[in-house]
Amino acid sequence: MLGTAQTSVPVALGRVGTNYMEREHIAAALKDGKAEVSIPAIGKTLKMPVFSIAVPIRDAQGVIVGSLVGVIDLSRPNFLDNITNSPYGTTGGYLLIDSGTRTIITATDKSRIMEVLVPGFNPLADRFIRGEEGTGIAVNTKGVEVLASGKNIPAANWHIVVFLPVAEAFAPIQDMQRCMFLATLVLTLLDAAHALAQAPVLA
């Protein structure tokens, strides 16, 4: 039957005999001959969050005879961790979002995987999901004000967001302002002392 797994590695996962034709990326590979990245979903046999990449298999005449599908289990270490596990500052991090479903594919905070971003809750996230790129300030789901930048990944209809709490992002500026305030205060006191020293003494 079209879309039914004929072989699978590891064998122990038991995918053989399972039909995946209702998954859009499988249909795209088998019917349209297109390589496609799936939306994040719960795997039929894994029962874990996954995303897949499907490519068509053609015979010598160019006829599609099947598809090869790579499945990435988001609950286990994978190549995306090379991005999300790299620290950004001390308290910052990354989000990889599927723009079509507004679903977090992976994140520095693994508890957010498969979280769906509610429209209207975060206007900056909405802008990113609509395809805009840039930087802005927003309040995240934990109530923390963050400085965030977003970039499109058009081939997969994904968006990557890097964020840093405002308290950390602006700490150097705040430190500089404090130093300037102290320096100004000291100079003002010195100037006042000098002015007093130069004032005529009234007998």
N, C-alpha and C. Protein backbone atom coordinates (compact mmCIF):
# COMPACT_ATOMS: atom_id res chain seq x y z
N MET A 1 0.85 -1.19 0.00
CA MET A 1 0.00 0.00 0.00
C MET A 1 0.88 1.25 0.00
N LEU A 2 0.54 2.21 -0.81
CA LEU A 2 1.33 3.43 -0.94
C LEU A 2 1.47 4.13 0.41
N GLY A 3 2.71 4.47 0.76
CA GLY A 3 2.95 5.16 2.02
C GLY A 3 3.20 4.25 3.20
N THR A 4 3.24 2.93 2.99
CA THR A 4 3.47 1.98 4.07
C THR A 4 4.95 1.66 4.21
N ALA A 5 5.47 1.72 5.42
CA ALA A 5 6.89 1.45 5.66
C ALA A 5 7.22 0.00 5.32
N GLN A 6 8.24 -0.19 4.47
CA GLN A 6 8.67 -1.52 4.05
C GLN A 6 9.87 -2.02 4.87
N THR A 7 10.67 -1.10 5.33
CA THR A 7 11.81 -1.45 6.16
C THR A 7 12.13 -0.27 7.05
N SER A 8 12.78 -0.52 8.17
CA SER A 8 13.04 0.55 9.12
C SER A 8 14.24 0.18 10.00
N VAL A 9 15.02 1.19 10.33
CA VAL A 9 16.16 1.01 11.23
C VAL A 9 16.04 2.07 12.33
N PRO A 10 16.12 1.70 13.60
CA PRO A 10 16.28 0.34 14.14
C PRO A 10 14.99 -0.49 13.96
N VAL A 11 15.16 -1.77 13.73
CA VAL A 11 14.03 -2.67 13.52
C VAL A 11 13.12 -2.72 14.74
N ALA A 12 13.72 -2.59 15.92
CA ALA A 12 12.97 -2.72 17.18
C ALA A 12 11.88 -1.68 17.33
N LEU A 13 11.94 -0.59 16.56
CA LEU A 13 10.91 0.45 16.69
C LEU A 13 9.57 0.01 16.10
N GLY A 14 9.59 -1.02 15.26
CA GLY A 14 8.34 -1.59 14.78
C GLY A 14 7.58 -0.72 13.79
N ARG A 15 8.28 0.03 12.96
CA ARG A 15 7.59 0.88 11.99
C ARG A 15 7.09 0.12 10.76
N VAL A 16 7.71 -1.02 10.45
CA VAL A 16 7.34 -1.77 9.25
C VAL A 16 5.85 -2.13 9.28
N GLY A 17 5.18 -1.84 8.18
CA GLY A 17 3.75 -2.13 8.08
C GLY A 17 2.86 -0.95 8.47
N THR A 18 3.44 0.10 9.02
CA THR A 18 2.68 1.29 9.41
C THR A 18 2.55 2.22 8.21
N ASN A 19 1.34 2.70 7.96
CA ASN A 19 1.12 3.59 6.82
C ASN A 19 1.21 5.05 7.26
N TYR A 20 1.95 5.84 6.46
CA TYR A 20 2.19 7.25 6.79
C TYR A 20 1.68 8.18 5.69
N MET A 21 0.83 7.69 4.84
CA MET A 21 0.44 8.48 3.67
C MET A 21 -0.29 9.77 4.04
N GLU A 22 -0.88 9.81 5.23
CA GLU A 22 -1.60 11.03 5.60
C GLU A 22 -0.65 12.16 6.00
N ARG A 23 0.63 11.83 6.20
CA ARG A 23 1.62 12.85 6.53
C ARG A 23 2.01 13.59 5.25
N GLU A 24 1.90 14.90 5.29
CA GLU A 24 2.08 15.72 4.07
C GLU A 24 3.45 15.53 3.42
N HIS A 25 4.50 15.39 4.22
CA HIS A 25 5.83 15.25 3.63
C HIS A 25 5.99 13.91 2.91
N ILE A 26 5.33 12.87 3.41
CA ILE A 26 5.37 11.57 2.73
C ILE A 26 4.61 11.65 1.41
N ALA A 27 3.44 12.27 1.44
CA ALA A 27 2.65 12.42 0.22
C ALA A 27 3.39 13.26 -0.80
N ALA A 28 4.08 14.29 -0.35
CA ALA A 28 4.83 15.16 -1.27
C ALA A 28 5.94 14.39 -1.97
N ALA A 29 6.62 13.51 -1.23
CA ALA A 29 7.70 12.73 -1.82
C ALA A 29 7.17 11.68 -2.80
N LEU A 30 6.08 10.98 -2.41
CA LEU A 30 5.58 9.87 -3.22
C LEU A 30 4.72 10.32 -4.41
N LYS A 31 3.95 11.38 -4.23
CA LYS A 31 3.04 11.82 -5.29
C LYS A 31 3.63 12.92 -6.17
N ASP A 32 4.35 13.84 -5.52
CA ASP A 32 4.85 15.00 -6.26
C ASP A 32 6.34 14.95 -6.53
N GLY A 33 7.02 13.96 -5.96
CA GLY A 33 8.46 13.84 -6.20
C GLY A 33 9.27 14.95 -5.58
N LYS A 34 8.79 15.51 -4.47
CA LYS A 34 9.48 16.62 -3.82
C LYS A 34 10.08 16.19 -2.49
N ALA A 35 11.27 16.69 -2.23
CA ALA A 35 11.86 16.51 -0.90
C ALA A 35 11.20 17.53 0.02
N GLU A 36 10.81 17.07 1.21
CA GLU A 36 10.09 17.99 2.09
C GLU A 36 10.37 17.67 3.55
N VAL A 37 10.41 18.74 4.35
CA VAL A 37 10.58 18.62 5.80
C VAL A 37 9.19 18.63 6.43
N SER A 38 8.95 17.74 7.36
CA SER A 38 7.64 17.65 7.99
C SER A 38 7.44 18.72 9.04
N ILE A 39 6.21 18.85 9.47
CA ILE A 39 5.92 19.65 10.65
C ILE A 39 6.23 18.77 11.86
N PRO A 40 6.53 19.37 13.02
CA PRO A 40 6.76 18.54 14.21
C PRO A 40 5.47 17.83 14.61
N ALA A 41 5.59 16.58 15.01
CA ALA A 41 4.41 15.79 15.38
C ALA A 41 4.83 14.69 16.34
N ILE A 42 3.86 14.03 16.92
CA ILE A 42 4.13 12.86 17.77
C ILE A 42 4.22 11.65 16.85
N GLY A 43 5.34 10.93 16.92
CA GLY A 43 5.55 9.78 16.06
C GLY A 43 4.53 8.68 16.30
N LYS A 44 4.10 8.03 15.22
CA LYS A 44 3.08 6.98 15.34
C LYS A 44 3.52 5.82 16.22
N THR A 45 4.77 5.41 16.07
CA THR A 45 5.25 4.28 16.86
C THR A 45 6.14 4.73 18.02
N LEU A 46 6.90 5.82 17.82
CA LEU A 46 7.77 6.31 18.89
C LEU A 46 6.97 6.90 20.06
N LYS A 47 5.84 7.56 19.70
CA LYS A 47 5.03 8.27 20.70
C LYS A 47 5.85 9.39 21.36
N MET A 48 6.79 9.92 20.60
CA MET A 48 7.63 11.02 21.04
C MET A 48 7.59 12.12 19.98
N PRO A 49 7.93 13.37 20.35
CA PRO A 49 7.95 14.43 19.35
C PRO A 49 9.06 14.19 18.32
N VAL A 50 8.70 14.29 17.05
CA VAL A 50 9.65 14.04 15.96
C VAL A 50 9.40 15.03 14.83
N PHE A 51 10.40 15.18 13.97
CA PHE A 51 10.15 15.73 12.65
C PHE A 51 10.95 14.89 11.66
N SER A 52 10.53 14.92 10.40
CA SER A 52 11.11 14.02 9.41
C SER A 52 11.47 14.78 8.14
N ILE A 53 12.39 14.19 7.39
CA ILE A 53 12.75 14.69 6.06
C ILE A 53 12.53 13.55 5.09
N ALA A 54 11.66 13.76 4.10
CA ALA A 54 11.34 12.72 3.13
C ALA A 54 11.82 13.12 1.74
N VAL A 55 12.45 12.18 1.04
CA VAL A 55 12.90 12.42 -0.34
C VAL A 55 12.42 11.26 -1.21
N PRO A 56 12.07 11.53 -2.48
CA PRO A 56 11.59 10.44 -3.34
C PRO A 56 12.73 9.53 -3.79
N ILE A 57 12.40 8.27 -4.05
CA ILE A 57 13.33 7.30 -4.65
C ILE A 57 12.82 7.01 -6.05
N ARG A 58 13.69 7.16 -7.05
CA ARG A 58 13.29 6.95 -8.45
C ARG A 58 14.06 5.78 -9.05
N ASP A 59 13.42 5.10 -10.02
CA ASP A 59 14.11 4.03 -10.73
C ASP A 59 14.92 4.61 -11.89
N ALA A 60 15.51 3.75 -12.69
CA ALA A 60 16.37 4.21 -13.78
C ALA A 60 15.62 5.06 -14.79
N GLN A 61 14.32 4.90 -14.89
CA GLN A 61 13.52 5.68 -15.83
C GLN A 61 12.97 6.97 -15.20
N GLY A 62 13.31 7.19 -13.94
CA GLY A 62 12.85 8.40 -13.26
C GLY A 62 11.49 8.27 -12.61
N VAL A 63 10.94 7.06 -12.60
CA VAL A 63 9.63 6.84 -11.99
C VAL A 63 9.80 6.71 -10.46
N ILE A 64 8.92 7.36 -9.72
CA ILE A 64 8.99 7.29 -8.25
C ILE A 64 8.55 5.90 -7.80
N VAL A 65 9.44 5.22 -7.06
CA VAL A 65 9.14 3.87 -6.59
C VAL A 65 9.07 3.79 -5.06
N GLY A 66 9.34 4.89 -4.41
CA GLY A 66 9.28 4.90 -2.95
C GLY A 66 9.84 6.19 -2.41
N SER A 67 10.07 6.21 -1.12
CA SER A 67 10.68 7.39 -0.50
C SER A 67 11.58 6.95 0.63
N LEU A 68 12.58 7.77 0.89
CA LEU A 68 13.48 7.55 2.00
C LEU A 68 13.18 8.63 3.03
N VAL A 69 12.97 8.22 4.27
CA VAL A 69 12.56 9.16 5.30
C VAL A 69 13.53 9.10 6.48
N GLY A 70 14.06 10.25 6.82
CA GLY A 70 14.90 10.35 8.01
C GLY A 70 14.08 10.95 9.14
N VAL A 71 14.07 10.30 10.27
CA VAL A 71 13.25 10.74 11.41
C VAL A 71 14.16 11.21 12.54
N ILE A 72 13.90 12.40 13.04
CA ILE A 72 14.68 12.95 14.15
C ILE A 72 13.81 12.95 15.40
N ASP A 73 14.23 12.18 16.38
CA ASP A 73 13.52 12.09 17.66
C ASP A 73 13.95 13.28 18.51
N LEU A 74 13.04 14.22 18.72
CA LEU A 74 13.37 15.44 19.44
C LEU A 74 13.55 15.23 20.94
N SER A 75 13.15 14.07 21.43
CA SER A 75 13.31 13.79 22.86
C SER A 75 14.70 13.25 23.18
N ARG A 76 15.49 12.97 22.14
CA ARG A 76 16.84 12.43 22.32
C ARG A 76 17.86 13.40 21.74
N PRO A 77 19.12 13.28 22.12
CA PRO A 77 20.15 14.15 21.54
C PRO A 77 20.15 14.04 20.02
N ASN A 78 20.24 15.18 19.34
CA ASN A 78 20.22 15.20 17.88
C ASN A 78 21.03 16.40 17.38
N PHE A 79 21.16 16.51 16.04
CA PHE A 79 22.03 17.53 15.47
C PHE A 79 21.57 18.95 15.79
N LEU A 80 20.30 19.15 16.09
CA LEU A 80 19.82 20.49 16.43
C LEU A 80 20.37 20.97 17.77
N ASP A 81 20.80 20.02 18.59
CA ASP A 81 21.37 20.39 19.89
C ASP A 81 22.65 21.20 19.73
N ASN A 82 23.32 21.06 18.57
CA ASN A 82 24.53 21.84 18.34
C ASN A 82 24.23 23.33 18.37
N ILE A 83 22.96 23.69 18.05
CA ILE A 83 22.55 25.09 18.08
C ILE A 83 22.00 25.44 19.45
N THR A 84 20.98 24.72 19.87
CA THR A 84 20.25 25.11 21.08
C THR A 84 21.03 24.92 22.36
N ASN A 85 22.01 23.99 22.36
CA ASN A 85 22.78 23.76 23.58
C ASN A 85 23.96 24.70 23.73
N SER A 86 24.21 25.50 22.69
CA SER A 86 25.29 26.49 22.79
C SER A 86 24.76 27.68 23.59
N PRO A 87 25.38 27.99 24.70
CA PRO A 87 24.84 29.08 25.53
C PRO A 87 24.92 30.43 24.82
N TYR A 88 23.92 31.26 25.06
CA TYR A 88 23.95 32.63 24.56
C TYR A 88 23.97 33.53 25.78
N GLY A 89 25.12 34.11 26.04
CA GLY A 89 25.27 34.85 27.28
C GLY A 89 25.22 33.88 28.45
N THR A 90 24.74 34.36 29.58
CA THR A 90 24.63 33.52 30.78
C THR A 90 23.24 32.93 30.92
N THR A 91 22.22 33.70 30.56
CA THR A 91 20.83 33.25 30.78
C THR A 91 20.00 33.24 29.50
N GLY A 92 20.63 33.47 28.34
CA GLY A 92 19.90 33.49 27.07
C GLY A 92 19.77 32.11 26.46
N GLY A 93 19.14 32.04 25.30
CA GLY A 93 18.97 30.76 24.63
C GLY A 93 18.37 30.89 23.25
N TYR A 94 17.91 29.76 22.72
CA TYR A 94 17.41 29.68 21.35
C TYR A 94 16.06 28.98 21.30
N LEU A 95 15.26 29.35 20.30
CA LEU A 95 14.02 28.65 19.97
C LEU A 95 14.02 28.38 18.48
N LEU A 96 13.63 27.18 18.09
CA LEU A 96 13.42 26.86 16.67
C LEU A 96 11.94 26.59 16.50
N ILE A 97 11.28 27.40 15.67
CA ILE A 97 9.82 27.39 15.58
C ILE A 97 9.36 26.99 14.18
N ASP A 98 8.37 26.10 14.11
CA ASP A 98 7.71 25.81 12.84
C ASP A 98 6.66 26.90 12.61
N SER A 99 6.87 27.72 11.59
CA SER A 99 6.00 28.88 11.39
C SER A 99 4.57 28.48 11.03
N GLY A 100 4.40 27.39 10.31
CA GLY A 100 3.06 26.98 9.88
C GLY A 100 2.16 26.56 11.02
N THR A 101 2.73 25.86 11.99
CA THR A 101 1.93 25.37 13.12
C THR A 101 2.18 26.14 14.41
N ARG A 102 3.13 27.10 14.37
CA ARG A 102 3.50 27.90 15.54
C ARG A 102 4.04 27.00 16.67
N THR A 103 4.63 25.87 16.30
CA THR A 103 5.09 24.90 17.28
C THR A 103 6.60 25.02 17.48
N ILE A 104 7.04 24.99 18.73
CA ILE A 104 8.47 25.00 19.03
C ILE A 104 9.03 23.60 18.75
N ILE A 105 9.95 23.53 17.80
CA ILE A 105 10.55 22.25 17.42
C ILE A 105 11.57 21.82 18.45
N THR A 106 12.44 22.74 18.81
CA THR A 106 13.41 22.48 19.86
C THR A 106 13.82 23.82 20.46
N ALA A 107 14.43 23.75 21.63
CA ALA A 107 14.78 24.98 22.36
C ALA A 107 15.87 24.67 23.36
N THR A 108 16.53 25.72 23.83
CA THR A 108 17.51 25.55 24.89
C THR A 108 16.84 24.95 26.12
N ASP A 109 15.63 25.41 26.42
CA ASP A 109 14.81 24.84 27.48
C ASP A 109 13.99 23.70 26.88
N LYS A 110 14.44 22.46 27.07
CA LYS A 110 13.82 21.30 26.41
C LYS A 110 12.36 21.10 26.81
N SER A 111 11.93 21.67 27.92
CA SER A 111 10.54 21.51 28.35
C SER A 111 9.59 22.24 27.39
N ARG A 112 10.12 23.11 26.52
CA ARG A 112 9.27 23.86 25.61
C ARG A 112 9.06 23.17 24.26
N ILE A 113 9.73 22.03 24.04
CA ILE A 113 9.55 21.30 22.78
C ILE A 113 8.09 20.92 22.61
N MET A 114 7.54 21.18 21.43
CA MET A 114 6.15 20.92 21.04
C MET A 114 5.17 21.92 21.65
N GLU A 115 5.67 22.95 22.32
CA GLU A 115 4.79 24.01 22.83
C GLU A 115 4.25 24.82 21.64
N VAL A 116 2.96 25.09 21.63
CA VAL A 116 2.35 25.88 20.57
C VAL A 116 2.21 27.32 21.06
N LEU A 117 2.74 28.26 20.29
CA LEU A 117 2.70 29.67 20.67
C LEU A 117 1.33 30.26 20.35
N VAL A 118 0.66 30.73 21.37
CA VAL A 118 -0.70 31.25 21.23
C VAL A 118 -0.67 32.59 20.49
N PRO A 119 -1.45 32.73 19.41
CA PRO A 119 -1.48 34.01 18.68
C PRO A 119 -1.92 35.15 19.60
N GLY A 120 -1.23 36.27 19.49
CA GLY A 120 -1.60 37.46 20.24
C GLY A 120 -0.94 37.58 21.60
N PHE A 121 -0.40 36.48 22.13
CA PHE A 121 0.23 36.55 23.46
C PHE A 121 1.53 37.34 23.41
N ASN A 122 2.30 37.11 22.34
CA ASN A 122 3.59 37.78 22.19
C ASN A 122 3.65 38.40 20.80
N PRO A 123 3.40 39.71 20.69
CA PRO A 123 3.38 40.36 19.37
C PRO A 123 4.68 40.20 18.59
N LEU A 124 5.82 40.18 19.30
CA LEU A 124 7.09 40.01 18.60
C LEU A 124 7.19 38.63 17.98
N ALA A 125 6.76 37.60 18.72
CA ALA A 125 6.75 36.23 18.17
C ALA A 125 5.82 36.15 16.98
N ASP A 126 4.68 36.83 17.05
CA ASP A 126 3.73 36.84 15.92
C ASP A 126 4.39 37.43 14.68
N ARG A 127 5.15 38.50 14.86
CA ARG A 127 5.85 39.12 13.73
C ARG A 127 6.84 38.16 13.11
N PHE A 128 7.60 37.48 13.96
CA PHE A 128 8.58 36.52 13.46
C PHE A 128 7.89 35.40 12.68
N ILE A 129 6.80 34.88 13.23
CA ILE A 129 6.08 33.77 12.60
C ILE A 129 5.49 34.19 11.26
N ARG A 130 5.12 35.46 11.14
CA ARG A 130 4.60 35.97 9.86
C ARG A 130 5.71 36.13 8.82
N GLY A 131 6.95 35.93 9.23
CA GLY A 131 8.05 36.00 8.28
C GLY A 131 8.95 37.21 8.43
N GLU A 132 8.63 38.09 9.37
CA GLU A 132 9.49 39.26 9.58
C GLU A 132 10.78 38.84 10.27
N GLU A 133 11.83 39.60 10.04
CA GLU A 133 13.10 39.38 10.70
C GLU A 133 13.50 40.66 11.42
N GLY A 134 14.34 40.51 12.42
CA GLY A 134 14.80 41.70 13.13
C GLY A 134 14.95 41.43 14.62
N THR A 135 14.95 42.51 15.39
CA THR A 135 15.19 42.45 16.83
C THR A 135 14.17 43.31 17.56
N GLY A 136 13.75 42.86 18.71
CA GLY A 136 12.80 43.62 19.51
C GLY A 136 12.80 43.15 20.94
N ILE A 137 12.01 43.81 21.76
CA ILE A 137 11.87 43.46 23.18
C ILE A 137 10.47 42.91 23.42
N ALA A 138 10.39 41.83 24.16
CA ALA A 138 9.09 41.21 24.45
C ALA A 138 9.15 40.56 25.83
N VAL A 139 7.98 40.18 26.33
CA VAL A 139 7.88 39.46 27.59
C VAL A 139 7.58 37.99 27.26
N ASN A 140 8.41 37.08 27.74
CA ASN A 140 8.21 35.67 27.41
C ASN A 140 7.15 35.02 28.29
N THR A 141 6.95 33.72 28.12
CA THR A 141 5.89 33.01 28.84
C THR A 141 6.15 32.94 30.35
N LYS A 142 7.38 33.21 30.76
CA LYS A 142 7.71 33.19 32.19
C LYS A 142 7.65 34.59 32.79
N GLY A 143 7.19 35.56 31.99
CA GLY A 143 7.07 36.92 32.49
C GLY A 143 8.37 37.69 32.52
N VAL A 144 9.40 37.18 31.82
CA VAL A 144 10.71 37.83 31.80
C VAL A 144 10.82 38.68 30.53
N GLU A 145 11.25 39.92 30.69
CA GLU A 145 11.44 40.79 29.53
C GLU A 145 12.75 40.40 28.85
N VAL A 146 12.67 40.12 27.53
CA VAL A 146 13.85 39.65 26.80
C VAL A 146 14.07 40.47 25.55
N LEU A 147 15.31 40.52 25.15
CA LEU A 147 15.71 41.09 23.86
C LEU A 147 15.84 39.90 22.91
N ALA A 148 15.08 39.89 21.81
CA ALA A 148 15.05 38.73 20.92
C ALA A 148 15.28 39.13 19.47
N SER A 149 15.98 38.26 18.74
CA SER A 149 16.20 38.44 17.31
C SER A 149 15.73 37.19 16.58
N GLY A 150 15.08 37.38 15.42
CA GLY A 150 14.56 36.25 14.66
C GLY A 150 15.07 36.23 13.24
N LYS A 151 15.24 35.01 12.69
CA LYS A 151 15.72 34.83 11.32
C LYS A 151 14.96 33.69 10.67
N ASN A 152 14.51 33.90 9.42
CA ASN A 152 13.77 32.88 8.68
C ASN A 152 14.68 31.76 8.19
N ILE A 153 14.11 30.54 8.11
CA ILE A 153 14.74 29.42 7.42
C ILE A 153 13.72 28.97 6.38
N PRO A 154 13.68 29.62 5.20
CA PRO A 154 12.60 29.42 4.22
C PRO A 154 12.44 27.98 3.73
N ALA A 155 13.54 27.25 3.57
CA ALA A 155 13.46 25.89 3.02
C ALA A 155 12.57 24.97 3.85
N ALA A 156 12.51 25.22 5.15
CA ALA A 156 11.71 24.37 6.04
C ALA A 156 10.51 25.10 6.63
N ASN A 157 10.34 26.38 6.28
CA ASN A 157 9.30 27.22 6.88
C ASN A 157 9.46 27.27 8.40
N TRP A 158 10.70 27.41 8.82
CA TRP A 158 11.04 27.53 10.22
C TRP A 158 11.53 28.93 10.53
N HIS A 159 11.64 29.21 11.80
CA HIS A 159 12.17 30.49 12.25
C HIS A 159 13.04 30.21 13.48
N ILE A 160 14.23 30.76 13.50
CA ILE A 160 15.07 30.60 14.69
C ILE A 160 15.12 31.93 15.43
N VAL A 161 14.97 31.85 16.73
CA VAL A 161 14.95 33.03 17.59
C VAL A 161 16.03 32.87 18.65
N VAL A 162 16.83 33.90 18.81
CA VAL A 162 17.81 33.93 19.90
C VAL A 162 17.38 35.03 20.85
N PHE A 163 17.43 34.73 22.15
CA PHE A 163 16.93 35.70 23.12
C PHE A 163 17.88 35.83 24.31
N LEU A 164 17.81 36.99 24.93
CA LEU A 164 18.62 37.28 26.10
C LEU A 164 17.82 38.19 27.02
N PRO A 165 17.65 37.82 28.29
CA PRO A 165 16.92 38.70 29.20
C PRO A 165 17.49 40.12 29.17
N VAL A 166 16.59 41.08 29.18
CA VAL A 166 17.00 42.48 29.11
C VAL A 166 17.95 42.83 30.25
N ALA A 167 17.70 42.25 31.43
CA ALA A 167 18.55 42.55 32.59
C ALA A 167 20.01 42.21 32.31
N GLU A 168 20.24 41.10 31.57
CA GLU A 168 21.62 40.74 31.23
C GLU A 168 22.11 41.52 30.01
N ALA A 169 21.24 41.68 29.02
CA ALA A 169 21.64 42.36 27.78
C ALA A 169 22.08 43.79 28.04
N PHE A 170 21.38 44.49 28.94
CA PHE A 170 21.67 45.90 29.18
C PHE A 170 22.53 46.13 30.42
N ALA A 171 22.96 45.05 31.06
CA ALA A 171 23.77 45.20 32.27
C ALA A 171 25.01 46.05 32.06
N PRO A 172 25.77 45.85 30.94
CA PRO A 172 26.96 46.70 30.73
C PRO A 172 26.61 48.18 30.63
N ILE A 173 25.47 48.48 29.99
CA ILE A 173 25.06 49.88 29.86
C ILE A 173 24.68 50.44 31.22
N GLN A 174 23.95 49.62 32.00
CA GLN A 174 23.56 50.07 33.34
C GLN A 174 24.79 50.29 34.22
N ASP A 175 25.80 49.39 34.09
CA ASP A 175 27.04 49.56 34.85
C ASP A 175 27.73 50.86 34.45
N MET A 176 27.75 51.13 33.14
CA MET A 176 28.37 52.35 32.65
C MET A 176 27.64 53.58 33.19
N GLN A 177 26.31 53.51 33.19
CA GLN A 177 25.53 54.65 33.70
C GLN A 177 25.82 54.89 35.17
N ARG A 178 25.94 53.79 35.95
CA ARG A 178 26.25 53.93 37.37
C ARG A 178 27.64 54.56 37.57
N CYS A 179 28.60 54.11 36.76
CA CYS A 179 29.95 54.67 36.85
C CYS A 179 29.96 56.15 36.49
N MET A 180 29.19 56.49 35.43
CA MET A 180 29.12 57.89 35.02
C MET A 180 28.47 58.74 36.11
N PHE A 181 27.43 58.17 36.75
CA PHE A 181 26.75 58.91 37.82
C PHE A 181 27.71 59.16 38.98
N LEU A 182 28.46 58.12 39.37
CA LEU A 182 29.40 58.26 40.48
C LEU A 182 30.51 59.24 40.14
N ALA A 183 31.01 59.14 38.88
CA ALA A 183 32.08 60.05 38.45
C ALA A 183 31.58 61.49 38.46
N THR A 184 30.36 61.68 37.98
CA THR A 184 29.78 63.03 37.96
C THR A 184 29.60 63.57 39.37
N LEU A 185 29.15 62.68 40.28
CA LEU A 185 28.95 63.09 41.67
C LEU A 185 30.27 63.50 42.31
N VAL A 186 31.31 62.67 42.09
CA VAL A 186 32.62 62.97 42.66
C VAL A 186 33.17 64.29 42.11
N LEU A 187 33.05 64.46 40.78
CA LEU A 187 33.55 65.69 40.16
C LEU A 187 32.79 66.91 40.65
N THR A 188 31.49 66.75 40.85
CA THR A 188 30.67 67.85 41.36
C THR A 188 31.11 68.25 42.76
N LEU A 189 31.36 67.22 43.61
CA LEU A 189 31.81 67.49 44.97
C LEU A 189 33.18 68.17 44.98
N LEU A 190 34.07 67.66 44.09
CA LEU A 190 35.40 68.27 44.00
C LEU A 190 35.32 69.72 43.54
N ASP A 191 34.44 69.95 42.55
CA ASP A 191 34.28 71.31 42.04
C ASP A 191 33.72 72.22 43.12
N ALA A 192 32.76 71.69 43.91
CA ALA A 192 32.18 72.49 45.00
C ALA A 192 33.24 72.78 46.05
N ALA A 193 34.08 71.79 46.36
CA ALA A 193 35.14 71.98 47.35
C ALA A 193 36.15 73.01 46.87
N HIS A 194 36.48 72.93 45.57
CA HIS A 194 37.42 73.90 44.99
C HIS A 194 36.85 75.30 45.04
N ALA A 195 35.55 75.41 44.75
CA ALA A 195 34.90 76.73 44.77
C ALA A 195 34.91 77.30 46.18
N LEU A 196 34.68 76.43 47.15
CA LEU A 196 34.70 76.90 48.55
C LEU A 196 36.10 77.34 48.95
N ALA A 197 37.09 76.62 48.46
CA ALA A 197 38.47 76.94 48.81
C ALA A 197 38.89 78.28 48.22
N GLN A 198 38.32 78.64 47.09
CA GLN A 198 38.69 79.88 46.40
C GLN A 198 37.87 81.06 46.88
N ALA A 199 36.84 80.80 47.65
CA ALA A 199 35.96 81.89 48.10
C ALA A 199 36.69 82.78 49.08
N PRO A 200 36.50 84.13 48.99
CA PRO A 200 37.17 85.05 49.91
C PRO A 200 36.69 84.82 51.35
N VAL A 201 37.59 84.97 52.28
CA VAL A 201 37.24 84.82 53.70
C VAL A 201 36.81 86.18 54.24
N LEU A 202 35.66 86.23 54.78
CA LEU A 202 35.14 87.47 55.32
C LEU A 202 35.59 87.63 56.76
N ALA A 203 36.27 88.75 57.04
CA ALA A 203 36.77 88.98 58.40
C ALA A 203 35.63 89.50 59.26
